[in-house]
Amino acid sequence: MKNKIKMKNGLKSRKQKIFNHPVTVIIFGILTCLIVPVFIKVAILQPLFGLLDISETISKSIQGIITAAVILFTYRLFVKRFEKREATELSKENFAKELVFGFLGGFLLISFITLFFYLLGYYTAASVNHFSVLIKPLIIFIVMGVWEEVIFRGLIFRITESKLGTVWALIISSLIFGFVHVSNDNFNFLSGLAIALELGLLTGITFSITRRLWVPIALHIGWNISFIFYGTIVSGATEFPSFIVSKLRGANLITGGMFGPENSIITIVFSLIAFGFLYKQKIT
């Protein structure tokens, strides 16, 4: 009888270890934060807004904002129920300040790189479109920024850092983040490595410094929308209308070719300089 109880307790203990294993938590977290928002959007939001007599732009904008909020709520609930703790990484502390800092950080970094292209003679601007062309991509980037940062920094980076330390968390989460773009148009090995060394490291280190997701989320959004603002390609995507109608011509190693400036050695270098500065703040 005692042996049966021991075996039963041993089996229960092994199941609990598997259930609480970092990889298990990450996988369950990713699935939860993907399935729940998609279900709510497809099963509730789209049919509901389909009944309303409003423009497509307004409809999709509201749906996008709600979807982003659902992602954050789902993550908070997952952390509370599965990890048995409060999601302090979604704390309201410095909420507005960190959103502004993150957005401007991402936008200004790409602005500086674009200026560098211009001074080298690679970038030329021809005309400017109406500012409204930025609404649709901005909403898309808000949803993408929230979801990807919840997954890659909120789950993968945070849990890996708690087990292996900051350096390994930066390496692992950044590489996964970079090469998850493999399905993007004109992707190659350099593209994946470039995104890892740029946005992957920058969002990882800002999360590690602040312990909150607001700077990484806003940095991600500001980074992406800046390419559309200046009329260059973002991560191989060419379907977005641009605010500034421009041309970026030159050697692929410099301009990034058809994948866009993220694939440029210049963007990699300046991003690593920014990362180095932030990493120094982290360790000092």
C-alpha atoms as a PDB file:
ATOM      1  CA  MET A   1       0.000   0.000   0.000  1.00  0.00           C
ATOM      2  CA  LYS A   2       2.794   2.364   0.956  1.00  0.00           C
ATOM      3  CA  ASN A   3       4.623   1.545  -2.300  1.00  0.00           C
ATOM      4  CA  LYS A   4       1.515   2.408  -4.323  1.00  0.00           C
ATOM      5  CA  ILE A   5       1.179   5.729  -2.528  1.00  0.00           C
ATOM      6  CA  LYS A   6       4.859   6.489  -3.139  1.00  0.00           C
ATOM      7  CA  MET A   7       4.519   5.610  -6.834  1.00  0.00           C
ATOM      8  CA  LYS A   8       1.412   7.747  -7.104  1.00  0.00           C
ATOM      9  CA  ASN A   9       3.087  10.689  -5.399  1.00  0.00           C
ATOM     10  CA  GLY A  10       6.218  10.210  -7.524  1.00  0.00           C
ATOM     11  CA  LEU A  11       4.166  10.234 -10.722  1.00  0.00           C
ATOM     12  CA  LYS A  12       2.299  13.320  -9.549  1.00  0.00           C
ATOM     13  CA  SER A  13       5.594  15.026  -8.731  1.00  0.00           C
ATOM     14  CA  ARG A  14       7.027  14.256 -12.193  1.00  0.00           C
ATOM     15  CA  LYS A  15       3.885  15.575 -13.874  1.00  0.00           C
ATOM     16  CA  GLN A  16       4.117  18.740 -11.799  1.00  0.00           C
ATOM     17  CA  LYS A  17       7.768  19.210 -12.782  1.00  0.00           C
ATOM     18  CA  ILE A  18       6.884  18.852 -16.459  1.00  0.00           C
ATOM     19  CA  PHE A  19       3.929  21.212 -16.026  1.00  0.00           C
ATOM     20  CA  ASN A  20       6.129  23.834 -14.331  1.00  0.00           C
ATOM     21  CA  HIS A  21       9.110  23.410 -16.662  1.00  0.00           C
ATOM     22  CA  PRO A  22      10.118  26.723 -18.320  1.00  0.00           C
ATOM     23  CA  VAL A  23       9.658  25.335 -21.835  1.00  0.00           C
ATOM     24  CA  THR A  24       6.162  24.108 -20.928  1.00  0.00           C
ATOM     25  CA  VAL A  25       5.219  27.498 -19.502  1.00  0.00           C
ATOM     26  CA  ILE A  26       6.510  29.261 -22.620  1.00  0.00           C
ATOM     27  CA  ILE A  27       4.632  26.927 -24.993  1.00  0.00           C
ATOM     28  CA  PHE A  28       1.368  27.145 -23.048  1.00  0.00           C
ATOM     29  CA  GLY A  29       1.765  30.921 -22.818  1.00  0.00           C
ATOM     30  CA  ILE A  30       2.309  31.312 -26.552  1.00  0.00           C
ATOM     31  CA  LEU A  31      -0.666  29.109 -27.417  1.00  0.00           C
ATOM     32  CA  THR A  32      -2.924  30.904 -24.933  1.00  0.00           C
ATOM     33  CA  CYS A  33      -1.906  34.389 -26.094  1.00  0.00           C
ATOM     34  CA  LEU A  34      -2.445  33.360 -29.716  1.00  0.00           C
ATOM     35  CA  ILE A  35      -5.615  31.271 -29.588  1.00  0.00           C
ATOM     36  CA  VAL A  36      -7.713  33.452 -27.257  1.00  0.00           C
ATOM     37  CA  PRO A  37      -7.247  36.808 -29.109  1.00  0.00           C
ATOM     38  CA  VAL A  38      -7.701  35.166 -32.533  1.00  0.00           C
ATOM     39  CA  PHE A  39     -10.895  33.440 -31.365  1.00  0.00           C
ATOM     40  CA  ILE A  40     -12.319  36.668 -29.944  1.00  0.00           C
ATOM     41  CA  LYS A  41     -11.461  38.585 -33.090  1.00  0.00           C
ATOM     42  CA  VAL A  42     -12.844  35.999 -35.532  1.00  0.00           C
ATOM     43  CA  ALA A  43     -15.844  34.815 -33.522  1.00  0.00           C
ATOM     44  CA  ILE A  44     -16.919  38.075 -31.878  1.00  0.00           C
ATOM     45  CA  LEU A  45     -15.326  41.267 -33.169  1.00  0.00           C
ATOM     46  CA  GLN A  46     -15.534  40.671 -36.923  1.00  0.00           C
ATOM     47  CA  PRO A  47     -19.208  39.547 -36.921  1.00  0.00           C
ATOM     48  CA  LEU A  48     -20.167  42.339 -34.511  1.00  0.00           C
ATOM     49  CA  PHE A  49     -18.463  45.134 -36.437  1.00  0.00           C
ATOM     50  CA  GLY A  50     -19.809  43.668 -39.677  1.00  0.00           C
ATOM     51  CA  LEU A  51     -23.259  44.705 -38.467  1.00  0.00           C
ATOM     52  CA  LEU A  52     -22.245  48.299 -37.846  1.00  0.00           C
ATOM     53  CA  ASP A  53     -22.564  50.986 -40.501  1.00  0.00           C
ATOM     54  CA  ILE A  54     -19.080  52.483 -40.165  1.00  0.00           C
ATOM     55  CA  SER A  55     -16.139  52.837 -42.520  1.00  0.00           C
ATOM     56  CA  GLU A  56     -13.694  49.968 -42.923  1.00  0.00           C
ATOM     57  CA  THR A  57     -10.819  52.093 -41.634  1.00  0.00           C
ATOM     58  CA  ILE A  58     -12.636  52.987 -38.426  1.00  0.00           C
ATOM     59  CA  SER A  59     -13.916  49.435 -37.976  1.00  0.00           C
ATOM     60  CA  LYS A  60     -10.501  47.809 -38.361  1.00  0.00           C
ATOM     61  CA  SER A  61      -8.853  50.477 -36.212  1.00  0.00           C
ATOM     62  CA  ILE A  62     -11.227  49.844 -33.308  1.00  0.00           C
ATOM     63  CA  GLN A  63     -10.921  46.075 -33.756  1.00  0.00           C
ATOM     64  CA  GLY A  64      -7.129  46.393 -33.734  1.00  0.00           C
ATOM     65  CA  ILE A  65      -7.082  48.391 -30.500  1.00  0.00           C
ATOM     66  CA  ILE A  66      -9.486  45.933 -28.843  1.00  0.00           C
ATOM     67  CA  THR A  67      -7.399  42.990 -30.062  1.00  0.00           C
ATOM     68  CA  ALA A  68      -4.234  44.526 -28.586  1.00  0.00           C
ATOM     69  CA  ALA A  69      -6.064  45.017 -25.281  1.00  0.00           C
ATOM     70  CA  VAL A  70      -7.292  41.405 -25.371  1.00  0.00           C
ATOM     71  CA  ILE A  71      -3.733  40.153 -25.904  1.00  0.00           C
ATOM     72  CA  LEU A  72      -2.528  42.064 -22.841  1.00  0.00           C
ATOM     73  CA  PHE A  73      -5.496  40.896 -20.753  1.00  0.00           C
ATOM     74  CA  THR A  74      -4.954  37.279 -21.855  1.00  0.00           C
ATOM     75  CA  TYR A  75      -1.274  37.471 -20.924  1.00  0.00           C
ATOM     76  CA  ARG A  76      -2.088  38.981 -17.531  1.00  0.00           C
ATOM     77  CA  LEU A  77      -4.669  36.258 -16.861  1.00  0.00           C
ATOM     78  CA  PHE A  78      -2.277  33.499 -17.991  1.00  0.00           C
ATOM     79  CA  VAL A  79       0.446  34.742 -15.654  1.00  0.00           C
ATOM     80  CA  LYS A  80      -1.979  34.964 -12.741  1.00  0.00           C
ATOM     81  CA  ARG A  81      -3.547  31.538 -13.275  1.00  0.00           C
ATOM     82  CA  PHE A  82      -0.599  29.535 -14.595  1.00  0.00           C
ATOM     83  CA  GLU A  83       2.416  31.156 -12.935  1.00  0.00           C
ATOM     84  CA  LYS A  84       0.497  32.090  -9.765  1.00  0.00           C
ATOM     85  CA  ARG A  85       1.721  35.690  -9.622  1.00  0.00           C
ATOM     86  CA  GLU A  86       0.756  39.194 -10.666  1.00  0.00           C
ATOM     87  CA  ALA A  87       1.999  40.353 -14.089  1.00  0.00           C
ATOM     88  CA  THR A  88       4.224  43.148 -12.775  1.00  0.00           C
ATOM     89  CA  GLU A  89       5.627  43.568 -16.286  1.00  0.00           C
ATOM     90  CA  LEU A  90       2.259  45.174 -17.124  1.00  0.00           C
ATOM     91  CA  SER A  91       2.418  47.516 -14.140  1.00  0.00           C
ATOM     92  CA  LYS A  92       0.998  51.006 -14.735  1.00  0.00           C
ATOM     93  CA  GLU A  93       4.128  52.530 -13.222  1.00  0.00           C
ATOM     94  CA  ASN A  94       5.682  54.991 -15.702  1.00  0.00           C
ATOM     95  CA  PHE A  95       3.194  53.706 -18.294  1.00  0.00           C
ATOM     96  CA  ALA A  96       2.897  56.896 -20.392  1.00  0.00           C
ATOM     97  CA  LYS A  97       6.538  57.872 -19.957  1.00  0.00           C
ATOM     98  CA  GLU A  98       7.814  54.492 -21.107  1.00  0.00           C
ATOM     99  CA  LEU A  99       5.449  54.356 -24.082  1.00  0.00           C
ATOM    100  CA  VAL A 100       6.640  57.765 -25.265  1.00  0.00           C
ATOM    101  CA  PHE A 101      10.294  56.940 -24.609  1.00  0.00           C
ATOM    102  CA  GLY A 102      10.049  53.606 -26.424  1.00  0.00           C
ATOM    103  CA  PHE A 103       8.187  54.959 -29.445  1.00  0.00           C
ATOM    104  CA  LEU A 104      10.508  57.926 -29.877  1.00  0.00           C
ATOM    105  CA  GLY A 105      13.531  55.697 -29.351  1.00  0.00           C
ATOM    106  CA  GLY A 106      12.537  53.356 -32.187  1.00  0.00           C
ATOM    107  CA  PHE A 107      11.358  56.127 -34.495  1.00  0.00           C
ATOM    108  CA  LEU A 108      14.353  58.401 -33.951  1.00  0.00           C
ATOM    109  CA  LEU A 109      16.878  55.585 -34.388  1.00  0.00           C
ATOM    110  CA  ILE A 110      15.472  54.758 -37.832  1.00  0.00           C
ATOM    111  CA  SER A 111      15.198  58.495 -38.589  1.00  0.00           C
ATOM    112  CA  PHE A 112      18.908  58.878 -37.868  1.00  0.00           C
ATOM    113  CA  ILE A 113      19.739  55.873 -40.050  1.00  0.00           C
ATOM    114  CA  THR A 114      17.560  57.256 -42.875  1.00  0.00           C
ATOM    115  CA  LEU A 115      19.365  60.597 -42.588  1.00  0.00           C
ATOM    116  CA  PHE A 116      22.646  58.707 -42.855  1.00  0.00           C
ATOM    117  CA  PHE A 117      21.407  57.040 -46.057  1.00  0.00           C
ATOM    118  CA  TYR A 118      20.445  60.480 -47.384  1.00  0.00           C
ATOM    119  CA  LEU A 119      23.847  61.983 -46.611  1.00  0.00           C
ATOM    120  CA  LEU A 120      25.513  59.062 -48.386  1.00  0.00           C
ATOM    121  CA  GLY A 121      23.330  59.700 -51.452  1.00  0.00           C
ATOM    122  CA  TYR A 122      21.356  56.456 -51.229  1.00  0.00           C
ATOM    123  CA  TYR A 123      18.012  57.943 -50.140  1.00  0.00           C
ATOM    124  CA  THR A 124      15.941  60.447 -52.144  1.00  0.00           C
ATOM    125  CA  ALA A 125      12.442  61.758 -51.383  1.00  0.00           C
ATOM    126  CA  ALA A 126      10.059  62.715 -54.198  1.00  0.00           C
ATOM    127  CA  SER A 127       6.729  63.677 -52.612  1.00  0.00           C
ATOM    128  CA  VAL A 128       4.499  63.345 -49.566  1.00  0.00           C
ATOM    129  CA  ASN A 129       1.142  61.549 -49.242  1.00  0.00           C
ATOM    130  CA  HIS A 130      -1.731  62.401 -46.910  1.00  0.00           C
ATOM    131  CA  PHE A 131      -0.971  61.582 -43.284  1.00  0.00           C
ATOM    132  CA  SER A 132      -4.001  59.255 -43.167  1.00  0.00           C
ATOM    133  CA  VAL A 133      -2.043  56.578 -45.082  1.00  0.00           C
ATOM    134  CA  LEU A 134      -0.270  55.830 -41.799  1.00  0.00           C
ATOM    135  CA  ILE A 135      -3.450  54.854 -39.913  1.00  0.00           C
ATOM    136  CA  LYS A 136      -3.832  51.307 -41.250  1.00  0.00           C
ATOM    137  CA  PRO A 137      -0.168  50.282 -40.866  1.00  0.00           C
ATOM    138  CA  LEU A 138      -0.028  51.914 -37.422  1.00  0.00           C
ATOM    139  CA  ILE A 139      -2.949  49.803 -36.184  1.00  0.00           C
ATOM    140  CA  ILE A 140      -1.364  46.677 -37.666  1.00  0.00           C
ATOM    141  CA  PHE A 141       1.957  47.490 -36.019  1.00  0.00           C
ATOM    142  CA  ILE A 142       0.283  48.145 -32.673  1.00  0.00           C
ATOM    143  CA  VAL A 143      -1.278  44.678 -32.701  1.00  0.00           C
ATOM    144  CA  MET A 144       1.945  43.079 -33.965  1.00  0.00           C
ATOM    145  CA  GLY A 145       4.066  45.007 -31.470  1.00  0.00           C
ATOM    146  CA  VAL A 146       1.906  44.037 -28.514  1.00  0.00           C
ATOM    147  CA  TRP A 147       1.606  40.375 -29.500  1.00  0.00           C
ATOM    148  CA  GLU A 148       5.256  39.863 -30.438  1.00  0.00           C
ATOM    149  CA  GLU A 149       6.583  41.606 -27.335  1.00  0.00           C
ATOM    150  CA  VAL A 150       4.261  39.627 -25.078  1.00  0.00           C
ATOM    151  CA  ILE A 151       5.561  36.433 -26.676  1.00  0.00           C
ATOM    152  CA  PHE A 152       9.252  37.186 -27.184  1.00  0.00           C
ATOM    153  CA  ARG A 153       9.980  39.431 -24.216  1.00  0.00           C
ATOM    154  CA  GLY A 154       7.121  38.722 -21.803  1.00  0.00           C
ATOM    155  CA  LEU A 155       7.413  34.946 -22.111  1.00  0.00           C
ATOM    156  CA  ILE A 156      10.559  33.743 -23.892  1.00  0.00           C
ATOM    157  CA  PHE A 157      13.025  36.392 -22.680  1.00  0.00           C
ATOM    158  CA  ARG A 158      11.663  36.752 -19.144  1.00  0.00           C
ATOM    159  CA  ILE A 159      11.497  33.039 -18.377  1.00  0.00           C
ATOM    160  CA  THR A 160      14.840  32.296 -20.042  1.00  0.00           C
ATOM    161  CA  GLU A 161      16.491  35.149 -18.142  1.00  0.00           C
ATOM    162  CA  SER A 162      15.192  33.824 -14.838  1.00  0.00           C
ATOM    163  CA  LYS A 163      16.826  30.450 -15.525  1.00  0.00           C
ATOM    164  CA  LEU A 164      19.926  31.213 -17.620  1.00  0.00           C
ATOM    165  CA  GLY A 165      20.661  34.893 -17.040  1.00  0.00           C
ATOM    166  CA  THR A 166      20.402  38.030 -19.159  1.00  0.00           C
ATOM    167  CA  VAL A 167      23.082  37.221 -21.752  1.00  0.00           C
ATOM    168  CA  TRP A 168      21.630  33.848 -22.721  1.00  0.00           C
ATOM    169  CA  ALA A 169      18.105  35.270 -22.656  1.00  0.00           C
ATOM    170  CA  LEU A 170      19.185  38.015 -25.067  1.00  0.00           C
ATOM    171  CA  ILE A 171      20.847  35.527 -27.414  1.00  0.00           C
ATOM    172  CA  ILE A 172      18.061  32.936 -27.411  1.00  0.00           C
ATOM    173  CA  SER A 173      15.057  35.277 -27.578  1.00  0.00           C
ATOM    174  CA  SER A 174      16.681  37.531 -30.202  1.00  0.00           C
ATOM    175  CA  LEU A 175      17.618  34.659 -32.521  1.00  0.00           C
ATOM    176  CA  ILE A 176      14.155  33.109 -32.287  1.00  0.00           C
ATOM    177  CA  PHE A 177      12.615  36.534 -32.910  1.00  0.00           C
ATOM    178  CA  GLY A 178      14.875  37.185 -35.892  1.00  0.00           C
ATOM    179  CA  PHE A 179      14.365  33.880 -37.647  1.00  0.00           C
ATOM    180  CA  VAL A 180      10.621  33.668 -36.988  1.00  0.00           C
ATOM    181  CA  HIS A 181      10.437  36.164 -39.893  1.00  0.00           C
ATOM    182  CA  VAL A 182      11.574  33.385 -42.236  1.00  0.00           C
ATOM    183  CA  SER A 183       8.229  33.454 -44.106  1.00  0.00           C
ATOM    184  CA  ASN A 184       8.588  37.158 -44.963  1.00  0.00           C
ATOM    185  CA  ASP A 185       9.247  38.104 -48.585  1.00  0.00           C
ATOM    186  CA  ASN A 186      12.928  38.337 -49.590  1.00  0.00           C
ATOM    187  CA  PHE A 187      14.080  36.858 -46.278  1.00  0.00           C
ATOM    188  CA  ASN A 188      17.566  35.355 -46.085  1.00  0.00           C
ATOM    189  CA  PHE A 189      19.977  34.304 -43.344  1.00  0.00           C
ATOM    190  CA  LEU A 190      21.341  37.836 -42.983  1.00  0.00           C
ATOM    191  CA  SER A 191      17.792  39.153 -42.569  1.00  0.00           C
ATOM    192  CA  GLY A 192      17.127  36.892 -39.609  1.00  0.00           C
ATOM    193  CA  LEU A 193      20.482  37.670 -38.035  1.00  0.00           C
ATOM    194  CA  ALA A 194      20.021  41.394 -38.652  1.00  0.00           C
ATOM    195  CA  ILE A 195      16.612  41.552 -36.948  1.00  0.00           C
ATOM    196  CA  ALA A 196      18.039  39.559 -34.042  1.00  0.00           C
ATOM    197  CA  LEU A 197      20.970  41.971 -33.647  1.00  0.00           C
ATOM    198  CA  GLU A 198      18.756  45.027 -34.036  1.00  0.00           C
ATOM    199  CA  LEU A 199      15.232  44.959 -32.660  1.00  0.00           C
ATOM    200  CA  GLY A 200      15.705  41.639 -30.875  1.00  0.00           C
ATOM    201  CA  LEU A 201      18.551  42.902 -28.691  1.00  0.00           C
ATOM    202  CA  LEU A 202      17.112  46.396 -28.207  1.00  0.00           C
ATOM    203  CA  THR A 203      13.712  45.233 -26.997  1.00  0.00           C
ATOM    204  CA  GLY A 204      15.302  42.537 -24.867  1.00  0.00           C
ATOM    205  CA  ILE A 205      17.653  44.885 -23.046  1.00  0.00           C
ATOM    206  CA  THR A 206      14.978  47.554 -22.512  1.00  0.00           C
ATOM    207  CA  PHE A 207      12.727  44.938 -20.937  1.00  0.00           C
ATOM    208  CA  SER A 208      15.585  43.711 -18.756  1.00  0.00           C
ATOM    209  CA  ILE A 209      16.270  47.281 -17.577  1.00  0.00           C
ATOM    210  CA  THR A 210      12.677  48.397 -16.935  1.00  0.00           C
ATOM    211  CA  ARG A 211      11.173  44.970 -16.056  1.00  0.00           C
ATOM    212  CA  ARG A 212       8.068  46.128 -17.915  1.00  0.00           C
ATOM    213  CA  LEU A 213       6.789  45.579 -21.455  1.00  0.00           C
ATOM    214  CA  TRP A 214       5.845  49.171 -22.278  1.00  0.00           C
ATOM    215  CA  VAL A 215       9.215  50.331 -23.661  1.00  0.00           C
ATOM    216  CA  PRO A 216       9.732  47.191 -25.828  1.00  0.00           C
ATOM    217  CA  ILE A 217       6.175  47.399 -27.187  1.00  0.00           C
ATOM    218  CA  ALA A 218       6.420  51.096 -28.042  1.00  0.00           C
ATOM    219  CA  LEU A 219       9.964  50.704 -29.391  1.00  0.00           C
ATOM    220  CA  HIS A 220       8.740  47.934 -31.685  1.00  0.00           C
ATOM    221  CA  ILE A 221       5.841  50.073 -32.950  1.00  0.00           C
ATOM    222  CA  GLY A 222       7.972  53.181 -33.443  1.00  0.00           C
ATOM    223  CA  TRP A 223      10.632  51.141 -35.239  1.00  0.00           C
ATOM    224  CA  ASN A 224       8.148  49.612 -37.709  1.00  0.00           C
ATOM    225  CA  ILE A 225       6.086  52.710 -38.465  1.00  0.00           C
ATOM    226  CA  SER A 226       9.208  54.776 -39.134  1.00  0.00           C
ATOM    227  CA  PHE A 227       9.987  52.718 -42.250  1.00  0.00           C
ATOM    228  CA  ILE A 228       6.486  53.389 -43.609  1.00  0.00           C
ATOM    229  CA  PHE A 229       6.833  57.060 -42.700  1.00  0.00           C
ATOM    230  CA  TYR A 230      10.040  57.415 -44.707  1.00  0.00           C
ATOM    231  CA  GLY A 231       8.805  55.242 -47.568  1.00  0.00           C
ATOM    232  CA  THR A 232      11.177  52.292 -47.156  1.00  0.00           C
ATOM    233  CA  ILE A 233      10.451  48.575 -46.880  1.00  0.00           C
ATOM    234  CA  VAL A 234       9.835  47.045 -43.462  1.00  0.00           C
ATOM    235  CA  SER A 235      10.873  43.397 -43.012  1.00  0.00           C
ATOM    236  CA  GLY A 236      10.320  42.588 -46.688  1.00  0.00           C
ATOM    237  CA  ALA A 237       6.710  43.866 -46.705  1.00  0.00           C
ATOM    238  CA  THR A 238       5.952  46.072 -49.710  1.00  0.00           C
ATOM    239  CA  GLU A 239       2.148  46.239 -49.441  1.00  0.00           C
ATOM    240  CA  PHE A 240       2.020  49.248 -47.125  1.00  0.00           C
ATOM    241  CA  PRO A 241       1.467  52.749 -48.577  1.00  0.00           C
ATOM    242  CA  SER A 242       4.151  55.211 -47.514  1.00  0.00           C
ATOM    243  CA  PHE A 243       3.876  58.730 -46.157  1.00  0.00           C
ATOM    244  CA  ILE A 244       6.996  59.967 -47.943  1.00  0.00           C
ATOM    245  CA  VAL A 245       7.338  58.676 -51.496  1.00  0.00           C
ATOM    246  CA  SER A 246      11.018  57.875 -51.742  1.00  0.00           C
ATOM    247  CA  LYS A 247      13.709  55.677 -53.268  1.00  0.00           C
ATOM    248  CA  LEU A 248      16.525  53.864 -51.529  1.00  0.00           C
ATOM    249  CA  ARG A 249      19.122  52.719 -54.040  1.00  0.00           C
ATOM    250  CA  GLY A 250      22.585  51.277 -53.667  1.00  0.00           C
ATOM    251  CA  ALA A 251      24.468  48.118 -52.788  1.00  0.00           C
ATOM    252  CA  ASN A 252      22.232  45.614 -50.964  1.00  0.00           C
ATOM    253  CA  LEU A 253      24.734  45.345 -48.124  1.00  0.00           C
ATOM    254  CA  ILE A 254      24.271  49.074 -47.479  1.00  0.00           C
ATOM    255  CA  THR A 255      20.561  49.616 -48.248  1.00  0.00           C
ATOM    256  CA  GLY A 256      19.219  46.189 -47.284  1.00  0.00           C
ATOM    257  CA  GLY A 257      17.922  45.401 -50.756  1.00  0.00           C
ATOM    258  CA  MET A 258      14.352  44.141 -51.145  1.00  0.00           C
ATOM    259  CA  PHE A 259      14.060  43.190 -47.475  1.00  0.00           C
ATOM    260  CA  GLY A 260      14.519  46.821 -46.497  1.00  0.00           C
ATOM    261  CA  PRO A 261      16.930  48.813 -44.297  1.00  0.00           C
ATOM    262  CA  GLU A 262      16.689  46.235 -41.500  1.00  0.00           C
ATOM    263  CA  ASN A 263      18.894  44.091 -43.729  1.00  0.00           C
ATOM    264  CA  SER A 264      21.508  46.867 -43.942  1.00  0.00           C
ATOM    265  CA  ILE A 265      24.907  46.681 -42.290  1.00  0.00           C
ATOM    266  CA  ILE A 266      24.438  50.345 -41.344  1.00  0.00           C
ATOM    267  CA  THR A 267      21.261  49.579 -39.382  1.00  0.00           C
ATOM    268  CA  ILE A 268      23.001  46.673 -37.667  1.00  0.00           C
ATOM    269  CA  VAL A 269      25.959  48.825 -36.623  1.00  0.00           C
ATOM    270  CA  PHE A 270      23.900  51.720 -35.250  1.00  0.00           C
ATOM    271  CA  SER A 271      21.518  49.341 -33.484  1.00  0.00           C
ATOM    272  CA  LEU A 272      24.435  47.550 -31.830  1.00  0.00           C
ATOM    273  CA  ILE A 273      25.852  50.905 -30.698  1.00  0.00           C
ATOM    274  CA  ALA A 274      22.489  51.765 -29.111  1.00  0.00           C
ATOM    275  CA  PHE A 275      22.321  48.290 -27.559  1.00  0.00           C
ATOM    276  CA  GLY A 276      25.854  48.633 -26.187  1.00  0.00           C
ATOM    277  CA  PHE A 277      24.909  51.900 -24.489  1.00  0.00           C
ATOM    278  CA  LEU A 278      21.796  50.359 -22.940  1.00  0.00           C
ATOM    279  CA  TYR A 279      23.620  47.197 -21.890  1.00  0.00           C
ATOM    280  CA  LYS A 280      26.206  49.333 -20.100  1.00  0.00           C
ATOM    281  CA  GLN A 281      23.379  50.988 -18.149  1.00  0.00           C
ATOM    282  CA  LYS A 282      22.134  47.531 -17.235  1.00  0.00           C
ATOM    283  CA  ILE A 283      25.393  46.273 -15.751  1.00  0.00           C
ATOM    284  CA  THR A 284      26.499  49.506 -14.043  1.00  0.00           C
END
